[in-house]
Amino acid sequence: MHYIGRFAPSPSGPLHFGSLVAALGSYLQAKANQGTWLLRIEDIDPPREVAGASDAILRTLDAYGLHWDGEVLYQHTRHEAYQAQIDAWLKAGEAYYCQCTRRQIQDAGGIYRGLCRQRSVGAEGAAVRVCIDNPVTAFTDIKHGELALDSAMAAEDFIIKRRDGLYAYNLAVVLDDIYQGVTEVVRGADLIEPTGRQVSLYQKLGAAPVSYLHLPLALNADGNKLSKQNHAPAIDNANPGPAMEAALSFLGHPVAAELQGAPVEKLLRWGIENWQISKLPNETEVITAF
């Protein structure tokens, strides 16, 4: 089977070092497997988006030599597909409307117990939840082996469309990965927890799940994940070499002295030729304030 990977950033700000690690790891894994590397902009949450961020992400990837294959897929163009699947599940009794609030769920112990499953709740002001009758409590990660997931959370009927009308990440990411033919998802270890929910959607859709490889997380000096929410600084488009070398080293592939200062295209060629999953550190081992 031809390998198809992807990088799927949200346009909530510029790419930072943690983003570069995720992009680079997924790129190297795809190209080392003679595969295709796709780019998807996950713009399904307009309140969190920053004007111009999508274009800035594309410019940064270009500056770092991370050239994607084919056209960029923007999630905002996929709303009809998301809604069609939700409508099909609602009609089949595989999803239902829910008006329970976060406060009510927290007061009941923090896990949604399917209260609205047997109720006749109207669509107005309601979220949509999918019925989870066969919870996924573990999955196999290429690096980490079998990873156990919280059983109570795995059994929860989770939201696939929010009460504000926005589509939920878990639904969109699965439908889009199937649509794009993705065979393997390479991403940060912070997304291990929702993987079980995504596998459960593959099962409900009767689709073969993708394989997963979760990369180590870049943390700041306080031990928090580098993120746009934590105001991680943008990486430098004008001088990409140092960040590229740091990202390769972070992923367990430090470049030799004779390659230091080389153009990013040369660093990437070296990275593809030398890429080994066994060299990846565990996600708790590396902290950087890059």
Protein backbone atom coordinates (compact mmCIF):
# COMPACT_ATOMS: atom_id res chain seq x y z
CA MET A 1 0.00 0.00 0.00
CA HIS A 2 1.33 3.44 -0.94
CA TYR A 3 2.16 5.47 2.15
CA ILE A 4 0.15 8.69 2.61
CA GLY A 5 0.92 10.94 5.55
CA ARG A 6 -0.13 14.47 6.42
CA PHE A 7 0.51 17.55 8.52
CA ALA A 8 -2.63 19.26 9.75
CA PRO A 9 -2.01 22.53 11.66
CA SER A 10 -4.74 24.84 12.88
CA PRO A 11 -4.46 28.51 11.80
CA SER A 12 -4.50 29.86 15.34
CA GLY A 13 -1.09 31.49 14.98
CA PRO A 14 2.33 31.07 13.35
CA LEU A 15 4.27 27.83 13.48
CA HIS A 16 6.51 27.48 16.54
CA PHE A 17 9.22 24.95 17.39
CA GLY A 18 6.70 22.35 18.56
CA SER A 19 4.86 22.71 15.25
CA LEU A 20 8.13 22.27 13.37
CA VAL A 21 8.87 19.04 15.25
CA ALA A 22 5.44 17.64 14.29
CA ALA A 23 5.76 18.77 10.67
CA LEU A 24 9.33 17.49 10.32
CA GLY A 25 8.61 14.13 11.94
CA SER A 26 5.60 13.48 9.73
CA TYR A 27 7.50 14.64 6.63
CA LEU A 28 10.53 12.44 7.30
CA GLN A 29 8.39 9.40 8.05
CA ALA A 30 6.46 9.89 4.80
CA LYS A 31 9.48 10.49 2.60
CA ALA A 32 11.56 7.72 4.19
CA ASN A 33 8.72 5.40 3.16
CA GLN A 34 8.69 6.81 -0.41
CA GLY A 35 5.27 8.21 0.39
CA THR A 36 3.08 11.23 -0.16
CA TRP A 37 2.99 14.08 2.37
CA LEU A 38 -0.24 16.09 2.41
CA LEU A 39 -1.07 19.40 4.03
CA ARG A 40 -4.43 20.11 5.61
CA ILE A 41 -5.39 23.37 7.33
CA GLU A 42 -7.77 22.55 10.16
CA ASP A 43 -9.84 25.71 10.13
CA ILE A 44 -13.07 24.46 11.73
CA ASP A 45 -12.90 26.73 14.79
CA PRO A 46 -13.13 30.34 13.55
CA PRO A 47 -13.15 31.92 17.05
CA ARG A 48 -9.62 30.55 17.59
CA GLU A 49 -8.25 31.48 14.17
CA VAL A 50 -5.85 34.35 13.59
CA ALA A 51 -6.23 36.42 10.42
CA GLY A 52 -3.51 35.55 7.92
CA ALA A 53 -2.26 32.53 9.87
CA SER A 54 -3.06 30.01 7.12
CA ASP A 55 -0.92 31.85 4.57
CA ALA A 56 1.82 32.36 7.15
CA ILE A 57 1.93 28.61 7.82
CA LEU A 58 2.36 27.89 4.12
CA ARG A 59 5.17 30.44 3.83
CA THR A 60 6.97 28.95 6.82
CA LEU A 61 6.76 25.39 5.51
CA ASP A 62 8.16 26.62 2.20
CA ALA A 63 11.00 28.44 3.96
CA TYR A 64 11.92 25.21 5.76
CA GLY A 65 11.86 23.10 2.59
CA LEU A 66 8.82 21.15 3.79
CA HIS A 67 7.02 21.07 0.45
CA TRP A 68 3.70 19.25 0.48
CA ASP A 69 2.29 17.09 -2.28
CA GLY A 70 -0.89 18.10 -4.12
CA GLU A 71 -3.36 20.79 -3.14
CA VAL A 72 -3.86 22.07 0.39
CA LEU A 73 -7.15 20.85 1.90
CA TYR A 74 -8.99 23.42 4.01
CA GLN A 75 -11.48 21.93 6.43
CA HIS A 76 -13.94 24.78 5.95
CA THR A 77 -14.61 23.34 2.48
CA ARG A 78 -15.72 20.03 4.00
CA HIS A 79 -18.73 21.16 6.06
CA GLU A 80 -21.24 19.44 3.78
CA ALA A 81 -19.45 16.11 4.17
CA TYR A 82 -19.40 16.44 7.97
CA GLN A 83 -23.08 17.33 8.10
CA ALA A 84 -24.07 14.52 5.73
CA GLN A 85 -22.43 11.96 8.03
CA ILE A 86 -24.07 13.47 11.11
CA ASP A 87 -27.48 13.42 9.41
CA ALA A 88 -26.98 9.77 8.45
CA TRP A 89 -26.14 8.81 12.02
CA LEU A 90 -29.05 10.81 13.42
CA LYS A 91 -31.43 9.06 11.04
CA ALA A 92 -30.03 5.65 11.96
CA GLY A 93 -30.17 6.30 15.69
CA GLU A 94 -26.37 6.27 15.90
CA ALA A 95 -26.24 9.88 17.11
CA TYR A 96 -28.54 12.14 19.09
CA TYR A 97 -29.08 15.71 20.23
CA CYS A 98 -27.90 16.69 23.70
CA GLN A 99 -28.61 19.83 25.72
CA CYS A 100 -26.56 18.95 28.79
CA THR A 101 -24.14 21.68 29.83
CA ARG A 102 -20.51 21.30 30.85
CA ARG A 103 -21.47 22.30 34.38
CA GLN A 104 -24.09 19.55 34.58
CA ILE A 105 -21.59 16.98 33.36
CA GLN A 106 -18.95 18.19 35.83
CA ASP A 107 -21.48 18.02 38.68
CA ALA A 108 -22.28 14.43 37.65
CA GLY A 109 -18.63 13.37 37.92
CA GLY A 110 -17.07 14.74 34.75
CA ILE A 111 -18.02 11.91 32.38
CA TYR A 112 -21.16 12.15 30.25
CA ARG A 113 -23.48 9.26 31.07
CA GLY A 114 -25.71 9.34 27.99
CA LEU A 115 -28.56 11.14 29.70
CA CYS A 116 -30.06 12.48 26.46
CA ARG A 117 -29.75 9.21 24.55
CA GLN A 118 -33.25 8.13 25.52
CA ARG A 119 -34.77 11.60 25.48
CA SER A 120 -36.52 13.41 22.65
CA VAL A 121 -34.27 16.45 22.61
CA GLY A 122 -34.78 19.01 19.87
CA ALA A 123 -32.02 20.28 17.61
CA GLU A 124 -32.25 23.92 18.65
CA GLY A 125 -29.40 24.93 20.94
CA ALA A 126 -28.23 21.32 21.20
CA ALA A 127 -24.97 19.54 20.53
CA VAL A 128 -24.85 16.23 18.66
CA ARG A 129 -23.29 13.19 20.32
CA VAL A 130 -22.36 9.92 18.66
CA CYS A 131 -23.36 6.60 20.24
CA ILE A 132 -20.34 4.64 21.44
CA ASP A 133 -21.39 1.05 22.02
CA ASN A 134 -17.97 -0.57 21.45
CA PRO A 135 -15.45 1.59 23.32
CA VAL A 136 -11.81 1.56 22.24
CA THR A 137 -9.73 1.25 25.41
CA ALA A 138 -6.32 0.71 23.79
CA PHE A 139 -4.52 1.14 20.50
CA THR A 140 -1.10 0.30 19.09
CA ASP A 141 1.40 3.09 18.51
CA ILE A 142 4.34 2.40 16.19
CA LYS A 143 6.88 3.68 18.72
CA HIS A 144 5.22 3.03 22.07
CA GLY A 145 3.42 -0.26 21.43
CA GLU A 146 0.01 -0.81 23.00
CA LEU A 147 -1.26 2.24 24.87
CA ALA A 148 -4.12 1.90 27.35
CA LEU A 149 -6.75 4.64 27.47
CA ASP A 150 -9.10 5.76 30.21
CA SER A 151 -12.01 3.31 30.08
CA ALA A 152 -14.66 5.76 31.31
CA MET A 153 -13.71 8.35 28.74
CA ALA A 154 -13.55 5.68 26.03
CA ALA A 155 -17.16 4.70 26.73
CA GLU A 156 -18.46 8.27 26.63
CA ASP A 157 -20.82 9.33 23.84
CA PHE A 158 -18.72 12.28 22.69
CA ILE A 159 -19.70 15.42 20.82
CA ILE A 160 -19.37 15.48 17.04
CA LYS A 161 -21.09 18.85 16.54
CA ARG A 162 -21.05 21.60 19.13
CA ARG A 163 -24.10 23.50 20.27
CA ASP A 164 -22.69 26.62 18.57
CA GLY A 165 -22.88 24.79 15.23
CA LEU A 166 -19.15 24.11 14.83
CA TYR A 167 -18.00 20.62 13.91
CA ALA A 168 -15.90 18.72 16.42
CA TYR A 169 -12.26 17.87 15.79
CA ASN A 170 -12.61 14.10 16.21
CA LEU A 171 -15.27 13.82 13.54
CA ALA A 172 -13.57 16.15 11.07
CA VAL A 173 -10.12 14.61 11.38
CA VAL A 174 -11.38 11.06 10.78
CA LEU A 175 -13.59 11.96 7.83
CA ASP A 176 -10.79 14.00 6.28
CA ASP A 177 -8.14 11.32 6.78
CA ILE A 178 -10.43 8.82 5.08
CA TYR A 179 -11.23 11.30 2.30
CA GLN A 180 -7.53 11.97 1.66
CA GLY A 181 -6.56 8.30 1.85
CA VAL A 182 -4.18 8.83 4.79
CA THR A 183 -2.54 5.56 5.84
CA GLU A 184 -0.56 6.79 8.85
CA VAL A 185 -0.93 9.69 11.26
CA VAL A 186 2.27 11.14 12.72
CA ARG A 187 1.65 13.83 15.36
CA GLY A 188 2.51 14.99 18.86
CA ALA A 189 2.01 12.84 21.94
CA ASP A 190 -0.52 15.34 23.30
CA LEU A 191 -3.02 13.77 20.88
CA ILE A 192 -2.69 10.23 22.26
CA GLU A 193 -5.82 10.60 24.41
CA PRO A 194 -8.34 11.33 21.61
CA THR A 195 -6.93 8.55 19.42
CA GLY A 196 -9.29 5.99 20.94
CA ARG A 197 -12.28 8.11 19.99
CA GLN A 198 -10.99 8.45 16.47
CA VAL A 199 -10.45 4.69 16.15
CA SER A 200 -14.02 4.16 17.37
CA LEU A 201 -15.26 6.40 14.54
CA TYR A 202 -13.28 4.37 12.00
CA GLN A 203 -15.04 1.28 13.34
CA LYS A 204 -18.46 2.92 13.19
CA LEU A 205 -17.78 3.98 9.62
CA GLY A 206 -16.60 0.51 8.66
CA ALA A 207 -13.24 1.90 7.57
CA ALA A 208 -9.83 0.44 8.25
CA PRO A 209 -8.09 2.63 10.85
CA VAL A 210 -4.81 4.30 10.06
CA SER A 211 -1.61 3.50 11.93
CA TYR A 212 -0.35 6.00 14.49
CA LEU A 213 3.04 7.36 15.49
CA HIS A 214 3.09 9.90 18.31
CA LEU A 215 6.17 12.08 18.56
CA PRO A 216 7.83 13.54 21.67
CA LEU A 217 6.52 16.91 22.79
CA ALA A 218 8.59 20.06 22.89
CA LEU A 219 8.24 21.68 26.30
CA ASN A 220 9.21 25.09 27.57
CA ALA A 221 11.40 25.74 30.59
CA ASP A 222 8.35 25.47 32.86
CA GLY A 223 7.55 21.98 31.60
CA ASN A 224 4.53 23.09 29.58
CA LYS A 225 3.96 22.08 25.97
CA LEU A 226 5.08 24.66 23.45
CA SER A 227 1.85 25.94 21.94
CA LYS A 228 0.21 29.02 20.52
CA GLN A 229 -1.91 29.22 23.67
CA ASN A 230 1.29 29.37 25.74
CA HIS A 231 2.66 32.13 23.47
CA ALA A 232 5.43 30.02 21.98
CA PRO A 233 7.53 32.25 19.69
CA ALA A 234 7.31 31.82 15.93
CA ILE A 235 10.22 30.11 14.21
CA ASP A 236 12.41 32.25 11.95
CA ASN A 237 11.60 32.07 8.24
CA ALA A 238 14.61 34.16 7.26
CA ASN A 239 17.15 31.85 8.93
CA PRO A 240 15.60 28.35 9.11
CA GLY A 241 18.83 26.38 9.53
CA PRO A 242 19.25 26.57 13.33
CA ALA A 243 15.65 25.59 14.07
CA MET A 244 15.83 22.74 11.54
CA GLU A 245 19.01 21.40 13.11
CA ALA A 246 17.46 21.72 16.59
CA ALA A 247 14.32 19.88 15.45
CA LEU A 248 16.35 17.03 13.94
CA SER A 249 18.33 16.74 17.16
CA PHE A 250 15.13 16.85 19.20
CA LEU A 251 13.83 13.90 17.18
CA GLY A 252 16.97 11.90 17.97
CA HIS A 253 18.81 12.68 14.73
CA PRO A 254 21.54 15.24 15.51
CA VAL A 255 23.39 16.30 12.37
CA ALA A 256 27.11 15.71 12.02
CA ALA A 257 29.49 18.65 12.40
CA GLU A 258 30.15 18.84 8.67
CA LEU A 259 26.40 19.35 8.01
CA GLN A 260 25.88 22.11 10.54
CA GLY A 261 25.05 25.32 8.75
CA ALA A 262 24.02 23.49 5.58
CA PRO A 263 20.90 24.59 3.64
CA VAL A 264 17.65 23.10 4.92
CA GLU A 265 17.20 21.12 1.69
CA LYS A 266 20.47 19.30 2.37
CA LEU A 267 19.50 18.74 6.01
CA LEU A 268 16.20 17.25 4.89
CA ARG A 269 17.86 14.89 2.41
CA TRP A 270 20.17 13.72 5.19
CA GLY A 271 17.19 13.35 7.52
CA ILE A 272 15.27 11.19 5.05
CA GLU A 273 18.28 8.94 4.42
CA ASN A 274 18.97 8.47 8.14
CA TRP A 275 15.44 8.45 9.60
CA GLN A 276 14.88 5.71 12.20
CA ILE A 277 11.86 5.55 14.52
CA SER A 278 13.99 3.69 17.07
CA LYS A 279 16.03 6.87 17.59
CA LEU A 280 13.01 8.91 18.71
CA PRO A 281 13.17 9.78 22.41
CA ASN A 282 10.25 9.19 24.72
CA GLU A 283 7.94 12.20 24.95
CA THR A 284 8.96 12.86 28.56
CA GLU A 285 12.70 12.86 27.95
CA VAL A 286 13.39 16.06 26.06
CA ILE A 287 12.69 19.61 27.19
CA THR A 288 13.61 22.59 25.06
CA ALA A 289 13.18 26.32 25.39
CA PHE A 290 14.13 26.84 21.73
